[in-house]
Amino acid sequence: ENKRLIYSNNINTVSLIYLLNAMMFIRLDE
């Protein structure tokens, strides 16, 4: 149960970082 919480939390962190990276790339492109 606890491991599952940590696992889903990791996925949230990774997707957040990916989103930030995508925003930075879009900003650099302009």
Protein backbone atom coordinates (compact mmCIF):
# COMPACT_ATOMS: atom_id res chain seq x y z
CA GLU A 1 0.00 0.00 0.00
CA ASN A 2 2.76 2.42 0.94
CA LYS A 3 4.93 1.40 -2.00
CA ARG A 4 2.02 2.03 -4.36
CA LEU A 5 1.68 5.57 -3.00
CA ILE A 6 5.39 6.26 -3.54
CA TYR A 7 5.19 4.78 -7.04
CA SER A 8 2.26 6.98 -8.12
CA ASN A 9 3.98 9.97 -6.53
CA ASN A 10 7.07 9.29 -8.67
CA ILE A 11 4.93 9.22 -11.81
CA ASN A 12 3.41 12.58 -10.85
CA THR A 13 6.88 14.07 -10.32
CA VAL A 14 8.17 12.72 -13.63
CA SER A 15 5.17 14.03 -15.58
CA LEU A 16 5.54 17.42 -13.87
CA ILE A 17 9.23 17.61 -14.86
CA TYR A 18 8.34 16.53 -18.41
CA LEU A 19 5.70 19.26 -18.60
CA LEU A 20 8.17 21.90 -17.39
CA ASN A 21 10.75 20.73 -19.94
CA ALA A 22 8.19 20.93 -22.74
CA MET A 23 7.26 24.48 -21.71
CA MET A 24 10.93 25.50 -21.68
CA PHE A 25 11.50 24.03 -25.16
CA ILE A 26 8.44 25.87 -26.50
CA ARG A 27 9.75 29.11 -24.99
CA LEU A 28 13.20 28.57 -26.53
CA ASP A 29 11.65 27.86 -29.92
CA GLU A 30 10.07 31.30 -30.27
